[in-house]
Amino acid sequence: MKVADEVLTVVQVAELRRRLSMLHHTSVEQVYRDAYARCAPIGERMPKASAIQELVTAWKLLRSWEKR
């Protein structure tokens, strides 16, 4: 089982976080839900690393907003 995927660089993750931080809370929640759906293992298919990184980045941002 091959997974052809590029891991996001530190710069790309920082840019993703910056862009997400400019969105409304509900939009970030939608990004999180979409990434969560892409990360669900289906049969033998493993989630792409970039999808996991997007999921975690959105989750971290949502958590930081929740703590305020």
N, C-alpha and C. Protein backbone atom coordinates (compact mmCIF):
# COMPACT_ATOMS: atom_id res chain seq x y z
N MET A 1 0.85 -1.17 0.00
CA MET A 1 0.00 0.00 0.00
C MET A 1 0.90 1.24 0.00
N LYS A 2 0.83 2.04 -1.06
CA LYS A 2 1.63 3.25 -1.18
C LYS A 2 0.76 4.47 -0.87
N VAL A 3 1.37 5.43 -0.24
CA VAL A 3 0.71 6.70 -0.01
C VAL A 3 1.60 7.77 -0.63
N ALA A 4 1.17 8.28 -1.77
CA ALA A 4 1.92 9.34 -2.44
C ALA A 4 1.45 10.67 -1.87
N ASP A 5 2.25 11.24 -0.99
CA ASP A 5 1.85 12.48 -0.35
C ASP A 5 3.07 13.24 0.10
N GLU A 6 2.96 14.52 0.01
CA GLU A 6 4.02 15.39 0.49
C GLU A 6 3.65 15.88 1.89
N VAL A 7 4.59 15.83 2.78
CA VAL A 7 4.41 16.38 4.10
C VAL A 7 4.55 17.89 3.99
N LEU A 8 3.66 18.63 4.66
CA LEU A 8 3.75 20.09 4.63
C LEU A 8 5.01 20.54 5.37
N THR A 9 5.65 21.56 4.84
CA THR A 9 6.83 22.11 5.51
C THR A 9 6.38 22.96 6.69
N VAL A 10 7.33 23.33 7.53
CA VAL A 10 7.04 24.20 8.67
C VAL A 10 6.45 25.52 8.17
N VAL A 11 6.98 26.03 7.09
CA VAL A 11 6.49 27.29 6.52
C VAL A 11 5.05 27.13 6.02
N GLN A 12 4.76 26.01 5.37
CA GLN A 12 3.40 25.77 4.86
C GLN A 12 2.40 25.62 6.01
N VAL A 13 2.79 24.96 7.07
CA VAL A 13 1.90 24.81 8.23
C VAL A 13 1.66 26.17 8.88
N ALA A 14 2.70 26.98 8.99
CA ALA A 14 2.56 28.33 9.56
C ALA A 14 1.61 29.17 8.71
N GLU A 15 1.72 29.06 7.39
CA GLU A 15 0.83 29.80 6.49
C GLU A 15 -0.60 29.30 6.62
N LEU A 16 -0.78 28.00 6.74
CA LEU A 16 -2.12 27.44 6.95
C LEU A 16 -2.72 27.98 8.25
N ARG A 17 -1.93 27.97 9.31
CA ARG A 17 -2.39 28.49 10.59
C ARG A 17 -2.76 29.97 10.48
N ARG A 18 -1.96 30.74 9.79
CA ARG A 18 -2.22 32.17 9.60
C ARG A 18 -3.54 32.38 8.86
N ARG A 19 -3.72 31.63 7.76
CA ARG A 19 -4.96 31.77 6.98
C ARG A 19 -6.18 31.34 7.78
N LEU A 20 -6.06 30.24 8.51
CA LEU A 20 -7.19 29.78 9.32
C LEU A 20 -7.54 30.77 10.42
N SER A 21 -6.53 31.42 10.98
CA SER A 21 -6.77 32.35 12.08
C SER A 21 -7.56 33.58 11.63
N MET A 22 -7.61 33.83 10.34
CA MET A 22 -8.36 34.97 9.81
C MET A 22 -9.82 34.61 9.52
N LEU A 23 -10.15 33.33 9.60
CA LEU A 23 -11.51 32.88 9.33
C LEU A 23 -12.38 32.95 10.58
N HIS A 24 -13.68 32.96 10.36
CA HIS A 24 -14.63 32.91 11.47
C HIS A 24 -14.57 31.52 12.10
N HIS A 25 -14.90 31.45 13.37
CA HIS A 25 -14.86 30.19 14.12
C HIS A 25 -15.60 29.06 13.40
N THR A 26 -16.79 29.35 12.88
CA THR A 26 -17.57 28.30 12.21
C THR A 26 -16.89 27.81 10.94
N SER A 27 -16.17 28.69 10.26
CA SER A 27 -15.44 28.27 9.05
C SER A 27 -14.28 27.35 9.41
N VAL A 28 -13.60 27.66 10.51
CA VAL A 28 -12.50 26.78 10.96
C VAL A 28 -13.06 25.44 11.40
N GLU A 29 -14.22 25.44 12.04
CA GLU A 29 -14.86 24.18 12.41
C GLU A 29 -15.16 23.35 11.16
N GLN A 30 -15.60 23.99 10.09
CA GLN A 30 -15.88 23.28 8.85
C GLN A 30 -14.60 22.71 8.24
N VAL A 31 -13.52 23.48 8.27
CA VAL A 31 -12.22 23.00 7.79
C VAL A 31 -11.82 21.77 8.60
N TYR A 32 -12.02 21.84 9.92
CA TYR A 32 -11.70 20.71 10.79
C TYR A 32 -12.52 19.47 10.41
N ARG A 33 -13.84 19.66 10.24
CA ARG A 33 -14.71 18.53 9.88
C ARG A 33 -14.31 17.92 8.53
N ASP A 34 -13.99 18.78 7.55
CA ASP A 34 -13.58 18.28 6.24
C ASP A 34 -12.28 17.49 6.33
N ALA A 35 -11.32 18.03 7.08
CA ALA A 35 -10.04 17.33 7.25
C ALA A 35 -10.25 16.02 8.00
N TYR A 36 -11.12 16.03 9.00
CA TYR A 36 -11.43 14.81 9.76
C TYR A 36 -11.97 13.73 8.83
N ALA A 37 -12.87 14.13 7.93
CA ALA A 37 -13.45 13.17 6.98
C ALA A 37 -12.37 12.61 6.05
N ARG A 38 -11.43 13.46 5.63
CA ARG A 38 -10.35 12.99 4.75
C ARG A 38 -9.37 12.08 5.49
N CYS A 39 -9.32 12.19 6.81
CA CYS A 39 -8.38 11.39 7.60
C CYS A 39 -8.95 10.03 8.00
N ALA A 40 -10.22 9.83 7.79
CA ALA A 40 -10.83 8.56 8.17
C ALA A 40 -10.27 7.43 7.31
N PRO A 41 -9.74 6.38 7.95
CA PRO A 41 -9.23 5.26 7.16
C PRO A 41 -10.39 4.50 6.51
N ILE A 42 -10.29 4.30 5.22
CA ILE A 42 -11.31 3.57 4.48
C ILE A 42 -10.64 2.37 3.86
N GLY A 43 -11.01 1.20 4.35
CA GLY A 43 -10.39 -0.03 3.85
C GLY A 43 -8.89 0.00 4.12
N GLU A 44 -8.12 -0.15 3.08
CA GLU A 44 -6.66 -0.17 3.18
C GLU A 44 -6.04 1.22 3.02
N ARG A 45 -6.88 2.21 2.71
CA ARG A 45 -6.37 3.55 2.43
C ARG A 45 -5.98 4.26 3.72
N MET A 46 -4.75 4.72 3.77
CA MET A 46 -4.27 5.51 4.90
C MET A 46 -4.45 6.99 4.57
N PRO A 47 -4.71 7.81 5.57
CA PRO A 47 -4.84 9.24 5.30
C PRO A 47 -3.51 9.86 4.89
N LYS A 48 -3.60 10.89 4.09
CA LYS A 48 -2.39 11.60 3.66
C LYS A 48 -1.84 12.41 4.83
N ALA A 49 -0.54 12.54 4.85
CA ALA A 49 0.11 13.31 5.91
C ALA A 49 -0.37 14.76 5.93
N SER A 50 -0.56 15.34 4.77
CA SER A 50 -1.00 16.74 4.71
C SER A 50 -2.41 16.90 5.28
N ALA A 51 -3.26 15.90 5.11
CA ALA A 51 -4.61 15.95 5.69
C ALA A 51 -4.53 15.90 7.21
N ILE A 52 -3.66 15.06 7.74
CA ILE A 52 -3.46 14.97 9.19
C ILE A 52 -2.94 16.31 9.71
N GLN A 53 -1.98 16.90 9.00
CA GLN A 53 -1.43 18.18 9.42
C GLN A 53 -2.50 19.28 9.41
N GLU A 54 -3.37 19.27 8.42
CA GLU A 54 -4.45 20.25 8.36
C GLU A 54 -5.42 20.05 9.52
N LEU A 55 -5.75 18.79 9.80
CA LEU A 55 -6.64 18.46 10.91
C LEU A 55 -6.07 18.97 12.23
N VAL A 56 -4.82 18.67 12.48
CA VAL A 56 -4.17 19.06 13.74
C VAL A 56 -4.06 20.58 13.84
N THR A 57 -3.73 21.24 12.74
CA THR A 57 -3.61 22.70 12.77
C THR A 57 -4.94 23.35 13.09
N ALA A 58 -6.01 22.89 12.46
CA ALA A 58 -7.34 23.43 12.75
C ALA A 58 -7.74 23.13 14.19
N TRP A 59 -7.45 21.93 14.66
CA TRP A 59 -7.77 21.54 16.04
C TRP A 59 -7.05 22.44 17.04
N LYS A 60 -5.76 22.67 16.81
CA LYS A 60 -4.99 23.52 17.72
C LYS A 60 -5.55 24.94 17.77
N LEU A 61 -5.94 25.46 16.63
CA LEU A 61 -6.50 26.81 16.59
C LEU A 61 -7.84 26.84 17.33
N LEU A 62 -8.69 25.88 17.09
CA LEU A 62 -9.97 25.82 17.79
C LEU A 62 -9.77 25.70 19.30
N ARG A 63 -8.82 24.90 19.71
CA ARG A 63 -8.52 24.74 21.15
C ARG A 63 -8.01 26.04 21.75
N SER A 64 -7.17 26.76 21.02
CA SER A 64 -6.66 28.02 21.56
C SER A 64 -7.78 29.05 21.72
N TRP A 65 -8.74 29.05 20.80
CA TRP A 65 -9.88 29.96 20.90
C TRP A 65 -10.78 29.56 22.07
N GLU A 66 -10.90 28.26 22.30
CA GLU A 66 -11.75 27.77 23.38
C GLU A 66 -11.21 28.18 24.75
N LYS A 67 -9.90 28.26 24.87
CA LYS A 67 -9.26 28.58 26.16
C LYS A 67 -9.38 30.06 26.51
N ARG A 68 -9.76 30.90 25.54
CA ARG A 68 -9.85 32.34 25.80
C ARG A 68 -11.02 32.67 26.66
